[in-house]
Amino acid sequence: MENYLRLIPKRNENIRLKKMDDKYYLLIPMDSPFDIIARKLHGEYRRLELDERGVFVWNLCDGTRNIKLIGKKVRERFGEEEGLYERLITFILELYKRNLISLGGTDE
């Protein structure tokens, strides 16, 4: 797990965070040729809803902090909790798999 904690996440600049109807969404452009039908049905963006914690983490993924530091900030904001880093790593890896963030080298 220590190797993951040193990774530095950075948001994809094409993804926007937007508040709509008291909820927060990541707006993900549908720009692939395979998205043509989805664009006609749903518009230009896919939406991924984030809760308060997800928005907080998303905003910290600016390419300047590693996952360990992001976890410390989450703990400061939301309090101590068991399994914090495991859940944080899972969330960040899910964002990475969806190409919503990149993961930079470690800051040893």
C-alpha atoms as a PDB file:
ATOM      1  CA  MET A   1       0.000   0.000   0.000  1.00  0.00           C
ATOM      2  CA  GLU A   2       2.917   2.355   0.664  1.00  0.00           C
ATOM      3  CA  ASN A   3       3.647   2.564  -3.080  1.00  0.00           C
ATOM      4  CA  TYR A   4       0.105   3.778  -3.763  1.00  0.00           C
ATOM      5  CA  LEU A   5       0.369   6.448  -1.075  1.00  0.00           C
ATOM      6  CA  ARG A   6       3.263   8.081  -2.937  1.00  0.00           C
ATOM      7  CA  LEU A   7       1.357   8.409  -6.233  1.00  0.00           C
ATOM      8  CA  ILE A   8       0.332  11.916  -7.251  1.00  0.00           C
ATOM      9  CA  PRO A   9      -3.133  12.182  -8.845  1.00  0.00           C
ATOM     10  CA  LYS A  10      -3.917  14.976 -11.306  1.00  0.00           C
ATOM     11  CA  ARG A  11      -7.359  15.782 -12.683  1.00  0.00           C
ATOM     12  CA  ASN A  12      -8.029  15.409 -16.391  1.00  0.00           C
ATOM     13  CA  GLU A  13      -8.381  18.993 -17.610  1.00  0.00           C
ATOM     14  CA  ASN A  14     -11.292  18.020 -19.872  1.00  0.00           C
ATOM     15  CA  ILE A  15     -13.432  16.988 -16.902  1.00  0.00           C
ATOM     16  CA  ARG A  16     -15.450  19.665 -15.120  1.00  0.00           C
ATOM     17  CA  LEU A  17     -17.048  19.632 -11.697  1.00  0.00           C
ATOM     18  CA  LYS A  18     -20.461  21.265 -11.683  1.00  0.00           C
ATOM     19  CA  LYS A  19     -23.159  21.724  -9.069  1.00  0.00           C
ATOM     20  CA  MET A  20     -26.678  21.082 -10.378  1.00  0.00           C
ATOM     21  CA  ASP A  21     -29.818  20.800  -8.275  1.00  0.00           C
ATOM     22  CA  ASP A  22     -27.804  20.722  -5.005  1.00  0.00           C
ATOM     23  CA  LYS A  23     -25.695  17.792  -6.231  1.00  0.00           C
ATOM     24  CA  TYR A  24     -22.168  17.729  -7.604  1.00  0.00           C
ATOM     25  CA  TYR A  25     -21.312  16.017 -10.869  1.00  0.00           C
ATOM     26  CA  LEU A  26     -18.219  15.407 -12.898  1.00  0.00           C
ATOM     27  CA  LEU A  27     -19.062  16.265 -16.491  1.00  0.00           C
ATOM     28  CA  ILE A  28     -17.236  13.889 -18.789  1.00  0.00           C
ATOM     29  CA  PRO A  29     -17.181  14.833 -22.483  1.00  0.00           C
ATOM     30  CA  MET A  30     -18.577  12.198 -24.826  1.00  0.00           C
ATOM     31  CA  ASP A  31     -16.180  12.831 -27.673  1.00  0.00           C
ATOM     32  CA  SER A  32     -15.549   9.319 -28.938  1.00  0.00           C
ATOM     33  CA  PRO A  33     -17.060   8.319 -32.277  1.00  0.00           C
ATOM     34  CA  PHE A  34     -18.682   5.451 -30.374  1.00  0.00           C
ATOM     35  CA  ASP A  35     -20.624   7.981 -28.232  1.00  0.00           C
ATOM     36  CA  ILE A  36     -22.711   9.327 -31.125  1.00  0.00           C
ATOM     37  CA  ILE A  37     -25.962   7.688 -30.002  1.00  0.00           C
ATOM     38  CA  ALA A  38     -25.380   8.546 -26.346  1.00  0.00           C
ATOM     39  CA  ARG A  39     -24.777  12.199 -27.294  1.00  0.00           C
ATOM     40  CA  LYS A  40     -28.085  12.322 -29.119  1.00  0.00           C
ATOM     41  CA  LEU A  41     -29.903  10.881 -26.116  1.00  0.00           C
ATOM     42  CA  HIS A  42     -28.089  12.546 -23.214  1.00  0.00           C
ATOM     43  CA  GLY A  43     -26.198  15.583 -24.509  1.00  0.00           C
ATOM     44  CA  GLU A  44     -22.501  16.242 -24.759  1.00  0.00           C
ATOM     45  CA  TYR A  45     -21.503  14.961 -21.295  1.00  0.00           C
ATOM     46  CA  ARG A  46     -21.753  11.896 -19.128  1.00  0.00           C
ATOM     47  CA  ARG A  47     -22.372  12.765 -15.501  1.00  0.00           C
ATOM     48  CA  LEU A  48     -20.825  11.102 -12.491  1.00  0.00           C
ATOM     49  CA  GLU A  49     -22.296  12.176  -9.157  1.00  0.00           C
ATOM     50  CA  LEU A  50     -19.915  12.806  -6.271  1.00  0.00           C
ATOM     51  CA  ASP A  51     -20.719  13.130  -2.595  1.00  0.00           C
ATOM     52  CA  GLU A  52     -19.128  15.773  -0.358  1.00  0.00           C
ATOM     53  CA  ARG A  53     -16.071  13.625   0.326  1.00  0.00           C
ATOM     54  CA  GLY A  54     -15.627  12.815  -3.376  1.00  0.00           C
ATOM     55  CA  VAL A  55     -15.772  16.519  -4.281  1.00  0.00           C
ATOM     56  CA  PHE A  56     -13.193  17.276  -1.583  1.00  0.00           C
ATOM     57  CA  VAL A  57     -10.823  14.591  -2.882  1.00  0.00           C
ATOM     58  CA  TRP A  58     -11.405  15.612  -6.520  1.00  0.00           C
ATOM     59  CA  ASN A  59     -10.389  19.180  -5.723  1.00  0.00           C
ATOM     60  CA  LEU A  60      -7.201  17.943  -4.027  1.00  0.00           C
ATOM     61  CA  CYS A  61      -6.165  15.939  -7.117  1.00  0.00           C
ATOM     62  CA  ASP A  62      -4.305  18.872  -8.642  1.00  0.00           C
ATOM     63  CA  GLY A  63      -0.964  17.197  -9.290  1.00  0.00           C
ATOM     64  CA  THR A  64       0.739  18.748  -6.253  1.00  0.00           C
ATOM     65  CA  ARG A  65      -0.150  16.236  -3.504  1.00  0.00           C
ATOM     66  CA  ASN A  66       0.409  12.530  -3.141  1.00  0.00           C
ATOM     67  CA  ILE A  67      -2.320  10.191  -1.927  1.00  0.00           C
ATOM     68  CA  LYS A  68      -0.871  10.118   1.594  1.00  0.00           C
ATOM     69  CA  LEU A  69      -1.179  13.897   1.912  1.00  0.00           C
ATOM     70  CA  ILE A  70      -4.671  13.841   0.409  1.00  0.00           C
ATOM     71  CA  GLY A  71      -5.628  11.272   3.063  1.00  0.00           C
ATOM     72  CA  LYS A  72      -4.298  13.555   5.806  1.00  0.00           C
ATOM     73  CA  LYS A  73      -6.420  16.413   4.439  1.00  0.00           C
ATOM     74  CA  VAL A  74      -9.489  14.132   4.320  1.00  0.00           C
ATOM     75  CA  ARG A  75      -8.861  13.123   7.944  1.00  0.00           C
ATOM     76  CA  GLU A  76      -8.542  16.795   8.979  1.00  0.00           C
ATOM     77  CA  ARG A  77     -11.811  17.660   7.265  1.00  0.00           C
ATOM     78  CA  PHE A  78     -13.966  14.613   8.021  1.00  0.00           C
ATOM     79  CA  GLY A  79     -12.335  13.088  11.088  1.00  0.00           C
ATOM     80  CA  GLU A  80     -10.562   9.845  11.902  1.00  0.00           C
ATOM     81  CA  GLU A  81     -11.979   6.701  10.378  1.00  0.00           C
ATOM     82  CA  GLU A  82     -10.943   3.129   9.942  1.00  0.00           C
ATOM     83  CA  GLY A  83      -9.872   2.098   6.454  1.00  0.00           C
ATOM     84  CA  LEU A  84      -9.487   5.678   5.229  1.00  0.00           C
ATOM     85  CA  TYR A  85      -6.507   5.002   2.980  1.00  0.00           C
ATOM     86  CA  GLU A  86      -7.921   1.779   1.565  1.00  0.00           C
ATOM     87  CA  ARG A  87     -11.126   3.561   0.509  1.00  0.00           C
ATOM     88  CA  LEU A  88      -9.209   6.584  -0.757  1.00  0.00           C
ATOM     89  CA  ILE A  89      -6.909   4.419  -2.890  1.00  0.00           C
ATOM     90  CA  THR A  90      -9.911   2.511  -4.268  1.00  0.00           C
ATOM     91  CA  PHE A  91     -11.678   5.776  -5.182  1.00  0.00           C
ATOM     92  CA  ILE A  92      -8.588   7.267  -6.828  1.00  0.00           C
ATOM     93  CA  LEU A  93      -7.876   4.074  -8.786  1.00  0.00           C
ATOM     94  CA  GLU A  94     -11.482   4.062 -10.016  1.00  0.00           C
ATOM     95  CA  LEU A  95     -11.057   7.653 -11.241  1.00  0.00           C
ATOM     96  CA  TYR A  96      -7.825   6.567 -12.938  1.00  0.00           C
ATOM     97  CA  LYS A  97      -9.474   3.573 -14.662  1.00  0.00           C
ATOM     98  CA  ARG A  98     -12.094   5.929 -16.097  1.00  0.00           C
ATOM     99  CA  ASN A  99      -9.368   8.323 -17.342  1.00  0.00           C
ATOM    100  CA  LEU A 100     -10.672  11.088 -15.096  1.00  0.00           C
ATOM    101  CA  ILE A 101      -7.253  11.542 -13.469  1.00  0.00           C
ATOM    102  CA  SER A 102      -3.675  10.621 -14.242  1.00  0.00           C
ATOM    103  CA  LEU A 103      -1.292   9.200 -11.674  1.00  0.00           C
ATOM    104  CA  GLY A 104       2.135  10.742 -11.682  1.00  0.00           C
ATOM    105  CA  GLY A 105       5.387   9.442 -10.314  1.00  0.00           C
ATOM    106  CA  THR A 106       6.150   9.254  -6.672  1.00  0.00           C
ATOM    107  CA  ASP A 107       7.494  12.164  -4.679  1.00  0.00           C
ATOM    108  CA  GLU A 108       9.974  10.184  -2.627  1.00  0.00           C
END
